[in-house]
């Protein structure tokens, strides 16, 4: 009875229960939206260009204003020659269906002109996590736990509907003006049929899990691995797997050959969290064991996180002061953490056998 009394007074346990009450209707809503997923559309002439936010080989992101409502949005333009219609349709469907605090909302679905396919999303003024890492801003373990915990909630939400994100990296983590994060870019996201796997070799090489290359298929385990790489980069300010060639990188990933500092710069809680995420065998990885995401939320790394409070944004965000002094626009130039999304390169493809793209 005494033990039961102590358990009932456990604030972390109570917060997990409170969070479940919040997430259950959100998850039901997601499943319903996935079935209909009718996204409003627009026209390029409906917007006024305000600024260019970022650009790459496949397209651009611009800050625009809707002429009729005067609301500021982010306009994503993707070059037609680099995208498949089926991928664009999937991206629109999954992102529009996802109505969650820590995911960027898609407002208008895909419309096009002769060269580009466009989508319009909510404008997130704080820039992306790549900029934050590259700036050298000190976050600390508590701040890092707050950031990664938000990603955990976003993954829990998506995975509940069998949606794999598949391209989790700092460039796809936006920081809002309240200091909280939002995931963006569903370009490689995929919804699996219940009990099924996918075999596509796609993503950003340094964040790809070993099972991508084993030709046995994979599920949501690849997202948890990517979170491990992200957390390592957040605390160690370098990538866990570094090599001079793609074949060398693949070898290190397959062997889980990364160094975790033991000089006291990281707490044992943080080291354990990263190690548990970077498990070579998916079935041993945090988030994939029998208890699923509960094992992640109950990990000692999150010892001071009350999950319902986090969802309701009651924590002081780690970068609120930094954000108030940052410009909303920054074109990335540094290559410290810069990564490229790809349907994997020939060098990596040659290192694998019998890979099936779905």
Protein backbone atom coordinates (compact mmCIF):
# COMPACT_ATOMS: atom_id res chain seq x y z
CA UNK A 1 0.00 0.00 0.00
CA UNK A 2 2.86 2.35 0.83
CA UNK A 3 4.45 1.66 -2.58
CA UNK A 4 1.13 2.24 -4.33
CA UNK A 5 0.76 5.54 -2.49
CA UNK A 6 4.27 6.63 -3.55
CA UNK A 7 3.56 5.67 -7.18
CA UNK A 8 0.31 7.63 -7.19
CA UNK A 9 2.26 10.71 -6.10
CA UNK A 10 4.86 10.37 -8.85
CA UNK A 11 4.54 13.63 -10.84
CA UNK A 12 6.22 12.16 -13.94
CA UNK A 13 3.79 9.25 -14.02
CA UNK A 14 0.85 11.59 -13.53
CA UNK A 15 2.11 13.85 -16.31
CA UNK A 16 2.32 10.91 -18.74
CA UNK A 17 -1.27 9.97 -17.91
CA UNK A 18 -2.38 13.59 -18.36
CA UNK A 19 -0.58 13.73 -21.70
CA UNK A 20 -2.33 10.57 -22.91
CA UNK A 21 -5.66 12.28 -22.26
CA UNK A 22 -4.49 15.20 -24.42
CA UNK A 23 -3.00 13.13 -27.25
CA UNK A 24 -5.74 10.54 -27.66
CA UNK A 25 -8.24 12.90 -29.35
CA UNK A 26 -5.40 14.50 -31.37
CA UNK A 27 -4.40 11.09 -32.70
CA UNK A 28 -8.00 10.20 -33.53
CA UNK A 29 -8.30 13.50 -35.40
CA UNK A 30 -5.10 12.70 -37.34
CA UNK A 31 -6.47 9.35 -38.48
CA UNK A 32 -9.70 10.95 -39.66
CA UNK A 33 -7.87 13.74 -41.49
CA UNK A 34 -5.66 11.19 -43.24
CA UNK A 35 -8.75 9.54 -44.70
CA UNK A 36 -10.15 12.72 -46.25
CA UNK A 37 -7.11 15.05 -46.39
CA UNK A 38 -8.70 17.70 -48.63
CA UNK A 39 -6.22 20.54 -48.52
CA UNK A 40 -7.28 24.02 -49.72
CA UNK A 41 -5.42 25.30 -52.75
CA UNK A 42 -4.33 28.75 -53.93
CA UNK A 43 -2.58 30.55 -56.79
CA UNK A 44 0.85 32.14 -56.92
CA UNK A 45 -0.78 35.49 -57.72
CA UNK A 46 -2.55 35.40 -54.34
CA UNK A 47 0.71 36.30 -52.60
CA UNK A 48 3.17 39.18 -52.35
CA UNK A 49 6.85 38.29 -51.99
CA UNK A 50 8.43 39.77 -48.85
CA UNK A 51 11.77 38.01 -48.56
CA UNK A 52 13.84 34.99 -49.59
CA UNK A 53 14.47 32.68 -46.63
CA UNK A 54 16.51 29.81 -48.08
CA UNK A 55 17.45 28.21 -51.35
CA UNK A 56 18.86 24.92 -52.54
CA UNK A 57 19.28 22.70 -55.56
CA UNK A 58 15.67 21.54 -55.50
CA UNK A 59 13.88 24.81 -54.77
CA UNK A 60 13.40 27.81 -52.50
CA UNK A 61 11.48 28.96 -49.44
CA UNK A 62 10.20 32.55 -49.37
CA UNK A 63 8.38 34.77 -46.92
CA UNK A 64 5.12 35.94 -48.50
CA UNK A 65 1.94 37.78 -47.57
CA UNK A 66 -1.52 36.66 -48.60
CA UNK A 67 -3.10 39.60 -50.42
CA UNK A 68 -6.62 39.01 -49.16
CA UNK A 69 -6.00 38.18 -45.50
CA UNK A 70 -2.63 39.98 -45.04
CA UNK A 71 -1.36 36.91 -43.18
CA UNK A 72 2.35 36.14 -43.54
CA UNK A 73 3.25 32.63 -44.69
CA UNK A 74 6.22 30.59 -45.93
CA UNK A 75 6.00 29.69 -49.63
CA UNK A 76 7.88 26.56 -50.67
CA UNK A 77 8.73 26.28 -54.38
CA UNK A 78 10.02 22.93 -55.67
CA UNK A 79 11.38 22.50 -59.18
CA UNK A 80 9.22 20.07 -61.11
CA UNK A 81 12.14 18.27 -62.69
CA UNK A 82 13.36 17.12 -59.28
CA UNK A 83 10.14 15.81 -57.75
CA UNK A 84 7.76 12.96 -58.48
CA UNK A 85 4.04 13.76 -58.52
CA UNK A 86 3.34 10.86 -56.16
CA UNK A 87 5.88 12.17 -53.63
CA UNK A 88 4.41 15.68 -53.80
CA UNK A 89 0.92 14.29 -53.24
CA UNK A 90 2.06 12.23 -50.24
CA UNK A 91 3.90 15.19 -48.75
CA UNK A 92 0.79 17.35 -49.01
CA UNK A 93 -1.54 14.70 -47.61
CA UNK A 94 0.60 13.85 -44.57
CA UNK A 95 1.58 17.38 -43.62
CA UNK A 96 -1.93 18.79 -44.04
CA UNK A 97 -3.41 15.97 -41.96
CA UNK A 98 -0.91 16.64 -39.16
CA UNK A 99 -2.47 19.21 -36.87
CA UNK A 100 -0.05 19.26 -33.95
CA UNK A 101 1.73 21.85 -31.80
CA UNK A 102 5.20 20.73 -32.83
CA UNK A 103 4.62 20.33 -36.58
CA UNK A 104 4.50 23.14 -39.16
CA UNK A 105 0.97 23.48 -40.51
CA UNK A 106 0.36 23.25 -44.25
CA UNK A 107 -2.20 25.94 -45.12
CA UNK A 108 -2.57 25.67 -48.90
CA UNK A 109 -1.87 22.54 -50.90
CA UNK A 110 0.11 22.11 -54.06
CA UNK A 111 -0.42 24.43 -57.01
CA UNK A 112 1.94 24.92 -59.92
CA UNK A 113 3.22 26.89 -62.85
CA UNK A 114 5.46 25.79 -65.73
CA UNK A 115 8.58 25.34 -63.58
CA UNK A 116 7.59 24.88 -59.94
CA UNK A 117 5.20 23.17 -57.59
CA UNK A 118 4.20 25.35 -54.63
CA UNK A 119 2.91 24.83 -51.11
CA UNK A 120 2.14 27.40 -48.42
CA UNK A 121 2.85 26.83 -44.74
CA UNK A 122 2.63 28.79 -41.53
CA UNK A 123 5.58 31.15 -41.18
CA UNK A 124 7.95 30.16 -38.37
CA UNK A 125 10.12 33.22 -37.67
CA UNK A 126 12.91 31.75 -35.55
CA UNK A 127 14.84 30.04 -38.32
CA UNK A 128 15.91 26.40 -38.14
CA UNK A 129 17.95 24.33 -35.73
CA UNK A 130 20.84 24.16 -38.16
CA UNK A 131 21.39 27.89 -37.64
CA UNK A 132 21.21 27.45 -33.88
CA UNK A 133 23.82 24.69 -33.86
CA UNK A 134 26.03 26.55 -36.30
CA UNK A 135 25.91 29.75 -34.23
CA UNK A 136 27.54 28.00 -31.27
CA UNK A 137 24.68 28.98 -28.95
CA UNK A 138 25.01 27.18 -25.60
CA UNK A 139 21.88 25.20 -24.77
CA UNK A 140 22.94 22.86 -21.99
CA UNK A 141 21.54 19.45 -21.11
CA UNK A 142 18.32 20.75 -19.59
CA UNK A 143 17.65 22.86 -22.68
CA UNK A 144 18.61 19.94 -24.90
CA UNK A 145 16.16 17.71 -23.03
CA UNK A 146 13.37 20.25 -23.60
CA UNK A 147 14.11 20.37 -27.33
CA UNK A 148 14.44 16.61 -27.83
CA UNK A 149 11.32 15.98 -25.73
CA UNK A 150 9.29 18.06 -28.18
CA UNK A 151 10.61 15.88 -31.01
CA UNK A 152 9.59 12.80 -29.02
CA UNK A 153 6.03 14.14 -28.82
CA UNK A 154 5.98 14.87 -32.56
CA UNK A 155 7.25 11.35 -33.32
CA UNK A 156 4.69 9.82 -30.95
CA UNK A 157 1.95 11.69 -32.78
CA UNK A 158 3.13 10.67 -36.27
CA UNK A 159 4.05 7.10 -35.40
CA UNK A 160 0.61 6.53 -33.87
CA UNK A 161 -0.71 6.71 -37.46
CA UNK A 162 2.21 4.64 -38.84
CA UNK A 163 3.81 7.74 -40.39
CA UNK A 164 7.61 7.61 -40.67
CA UNK A 165 9.23 11.03 -41.02
CA UNK A 166 12.45 9.65 -42.60
CA UNK A 167 14.33 12.93 -42.92
CA UNK A 168 14.77 14.18 -39.37
CA UNK A 169 17.73 16.58 -39.12
CA UNK A 170 18.42 20.11 -37.79
CA UNK A 171 17.46 21.76 -41.09
CA UNK A 172 13.96 20.33 -40.73
CA UNK A 173 13.45 21.54 -37.17
CA UNK A 174 12.11 25.10 -37.11
CA UNK A 175 12.12 27.35 -34.03
CA UNK A 176 9.01 29.41 -33.45
CA UNK A 177 8.95 32.88 -31.91
CA UNK A 178 7.91 31.30 -28.59
CA UNK A 179 11.15 29.29 -28.54
CA UNK A 180 9.46 25.94 -29.17
CA UNK A 181 10.17 23.75 -32.19
CA UNK A 182 8.14 22.63 -35.18
CA UNK A 183 9.04 19.82 -37.61
CA UNK A 184 8.84 20.68 -41.28
CA UNK A 185 9.41 19.09 -44.70
CA UNK A 186 7.36 15.93 -45.18
CA UNK A 187 9.01 15.31 -48.55
CA UNK A 188 10.20 11.82 -47.58
CA UNK A 189 7.50 10.99 -45.03
CA UNK A 190 5.52 7.81 -45.60
CA UNK A 191 2.48 6.21 -44.04
CA UNK A 192 2.79 2.44 -43.70
CA UNK A 193 -0.02 -0.07 -43.86
CA UNK A 194 -0.49 -1.79 -40.51
CA UNK A 195 2.10 -4.54 -40.03
CA UNK A 196 4.05 -3.57 -43.17
CA UNK A 197 7.59 -2.35 -43.75
CA UNK A 198 9.09 -0.06 -46.34
CA UNK A 199 12.31 -0.62 -48.29
CA UNK A 200 13.13 2.77 -49.84
CA UNK A 201 16.75 3.82 -49.58
CA UNK A 202 16.21 7.53 -49.03
CA UNK A 203 17.09 10.29 -46.61
CA UNK A 204 20.16 12.18 -45.46
CA UNK A 205 23.16 9.86 -45.25
CA UNK A 206 24.62 10.94 -41.88
CA UNK A 207 21.21 10.47 -40.20
CA UNK A 208 20.34 7.11 -41.78
CA UNK A 209 20.01 4.04 -39.57
CA UNK A 210 21.82 0.73 -40.28
CA UNK A 211 18.58 -1.06 -41.23
CA UNK A 212 18.22 1.18 -44.29
CA UNK A 213 21.08 -0.78 -45.86
CA UNK A 214 20.16 -4.34 -44.87
CA UNK A 215 17.46 -4.92 -47.52
CA UNK A 216 15.10 -6.27 -44.85
CA UNK A 217 12.83 -3.25 -44.64
CA UNK A 218 12.24 -0.90 -41.74
CA UNK A 219 9.55 0.91 -39.79
CA UNK A 220 9.59 3.84 -37.36
CA UNK A 221 12.92 2.73 -35.86
CA UNK A 222 14.79 4.92 -38.35
CA UNK A 223 13.32 8.09 -36.83
CA UNK A 224 14.54 7.19 -33.34
CA UNK A 225 18.02 6.56 -34.71
CA UNK A 226 17.98 9.99 -36.36
CA UNK A 227 17.00 11.52 -33.01
CA UNK A 228 20.09 9.88 -31.52
CA UNK A 229 22.30 11.46 -34.20
CA UNK A 230 20.58 14.82 -33.63
CA UNK A 231 21.09 14.64 -29.86
CA UNK A 232 24.75 13.70 -30.31
CA UNK A 233 25.29 16.70 -32.61
CA UNK A 234 23.42 18.95 -30.19
CA UNK A 235 25.66 18.12 -27.25
CA UNK A 236 28.98 17.20 -28.89
CA UNK A 237 28.86 19.86 -31.65
CA UNK A 238 29.99 17.36 -34.23
CA UNK A 239 28.46 14.44 -36.10
CA UNK A 240 28.77 10.96 -34.57
CA UNK A 241 29.74 9.31 -37.86
CA UNK A 242 32.37 11.08 -39.94
CA UNK A 243 34.35 9.70 -42.88
CA UNK A 244 36.16 10.95 -45.95
CA UNK A 245 33.96 8.92 -48.31
CA UNK A 246 30.36 7.73 -48.44
CA UNK A 247 31.50 4.11 -48.30
CA UNK A 248 33.52 4.95 -45.19
CA UNK A 249 30.49 6.67 -43.67
CA UNK A 250 28.32 3.65 -44.41
CA UNK A 251 30.87 1.35 -42.73
CA UNK A 252 30.88 3.47 -39.57
CA UNK A 253 27.09 3.58 -39.44
CA UNK A 254 26.81 -0.18 -39.93
CA UNK A 255 29.32 -0.75 -37.12
CA UNK A 256 27.84 2.00 -34.91
CA UNK A 257 31.37 3.32 -34.70
CA UNK A 258 31.04 6.61 -32.82
CA UNK A 259 32.84 8.11 -29.85
CA UNK A 260 30.97 9.41 -26.82
CA UNK A 261 33.03 11.63 -24.49
CA UNK A 262 33.77 10.22 -21.04
CA UNK A 263 35.45 13.33 -19.68
CA UNK A 264 32.43 14.46 -17.69
CA UNK A 265 31.26 16.96 -20.30
CA UNK A 266 28.10 14.85 -20.70
CA UNK A 267 26.09 13.38 -17.85
CA UNK A 268 25.61 9.64 -17.72
CA UNK A 269 21.92 10.25 -18.37
CA UNK A 270 22.69 11.97 -21.70
CA UNK A 271 25.26 9.33 -22.70
CA UNK A 272 22.79 6.56 -21.92
CA UNK A 273 20.04 8.28 -23.93
CA UNK A 274 22.25 8.62 -27.02
CA UNK A 275 23.56 5.05 -26.70
CA UNK A 276 20.03 3.67 -26.33
CA UNK A 277 18.94 5.48 -29.50
CA UNK A 278 22.02 4.52 -31.52
CA UNK A 279 21.50 0.78 -31.09
CA UNK A 280 22.48 -1.15 -34.19
CA UNK A 281 19.60 -3.63 -33.88
CA UNK A 282 16.24 -1.83 -34.22
CA UNK A 283 14.49 -4.14 -31.75
CA UNK A 284 16.90 -3.00 -29.02
CA UNK A 285 16.53 0.67 -29.81
CA UNK A 286 14.75 3.08 -27.51
CA UNK A 287 11.22 3.69 -28.76
CA UNK A 288 10.97 0.31 -30.50
CA UNK A 289 10.97 -2.07 -27.54
CA UNK A 290 7.68 -3.55 -26.32
CA UNK A 291 6.66 -0.46 -24.34
CA UNK A 292 7.28 1.77 -27.36
CA UNK A 293 7.48 5.52 -26.85
CA UNK A 294 6.86 5.09 -23.10
CA UNK A 295 10.43 3.84 -22.76
CA UNK A 296 11.62 7.09 -24.32
CA UNK A 297 9.50 9.33 -22.10
CA UNK A 298 10.48 7.36 -18.99
CA UNK A 299 14.19 7.49 -19.77
CA UNK A 300 16.29 9.09 -17.03
CA UNK A 301 17.44 11.75 -19.51
CA UNK A 302 13.97 13.29 -19.15
CA UNK A 303 13.96 13.05 -15.35
CA UNK A 304 12.82 16.68 -14.99
CA UNK A 305 10.30 16.76 -17.86
CA UNK A 306 6.58 16.78 -17.09
CA UNK A 307 5.13 15.83 -20.44
CA UNK A 308 1.75 17.49 -20.18
CA UNK A 309 3.45 20.72 -19.07
CA UNK A 310 5.77 20.51 -22.06
CA UNK A 311 2.88 20.02 -24.48
CA UNK A 312 1.12 23.05 -22.96
CA UNK A 313 4.37 25.06 -23.28
CA UNK A 314 4.80 25.82 -19.59
CA UNK A 315 8.59 25.49 -19.67
CA UNK A 316 10.87 28.44 -20.22
CA UNK A 317 12.19 27.79 -23.76
CA UNK A 318 15.99 27.40 -23.91
CA UNK A 319 16.48 29.99 -26.68
CA UNK A 320 13.82 32.63 -26.06
CA UNK A 321 16.41 35.35 -25.40
CA UNK A 322 18.45 34.31 -28.42
CA UNK A 323 15.42 34.38 -30.68
CA UNK A 324 14.52 37.92 -29.69
CA UNK A 325 17.82 39.10 -31.14
CA UNK A 326 17.92 36.91 -34.25
CA UNK A 327 16.93 37.85 -37.73
CA UNK A 328 14.18 35.65 -39.11
CA UNK A 329 16.14 35.19 -42.31
CA UNK A 330 19.52 33.53 -42.61
CA UNK A 331 20.81 31.91 -45.76
CA UNK A 332 22.92 28.96 -44.70
CA UNK A 333 26.53 29.03 -45.82
CA UNK A 334 28.52 27.07 -43.26
CA UNK A 335 29.17 23.37 -43.89
CA UNK A 336 29.69 22.31 -40.26
CA UNK A 337 26.38 20.49 -39.97
CA UNK A 338 25.08 20.98 -43.51
CA UNK A 339 23.55 17.85 -44.99
CA UNK A 340 21.78 17.00 -48.20
CA UNK A 341 18.61 15.01 -48.57
CA UNK A 342 18.82 12.48 -51.34
CA UNK A 343 17.34 9.34 -52.77
CA UNK A 344 20.65 7.87 -51.87
CA UNK A 345 23.72 8.36 -53.99
CA UNK A 346 25.23 5.76 -56.30
CA UNK A 347 28.19 5.26 -53.96
CA UNK A 348 25.90 4.17 -51.15
CA UNK A 349 23.65 2.20 -53.48
CA UNK A 350 26.65 0.19 -54.71
CA UNK A 351 27.40 -0.73 -51.11
CA UNK A 352 23.99 -2.38 -50.69
CA UNK A 353 22.30 -5.27 -52.45
CA UNK A 354 18.74 -5.99 -53.48
CA UNK A 355 17.37 -2.66 -52.33
CA UNK A 356 13.77 -2.14 -53.43
CA UNK A 357 12.37 1.36 -53.82
CA UNK A 358 8.66 1.57 -53.11
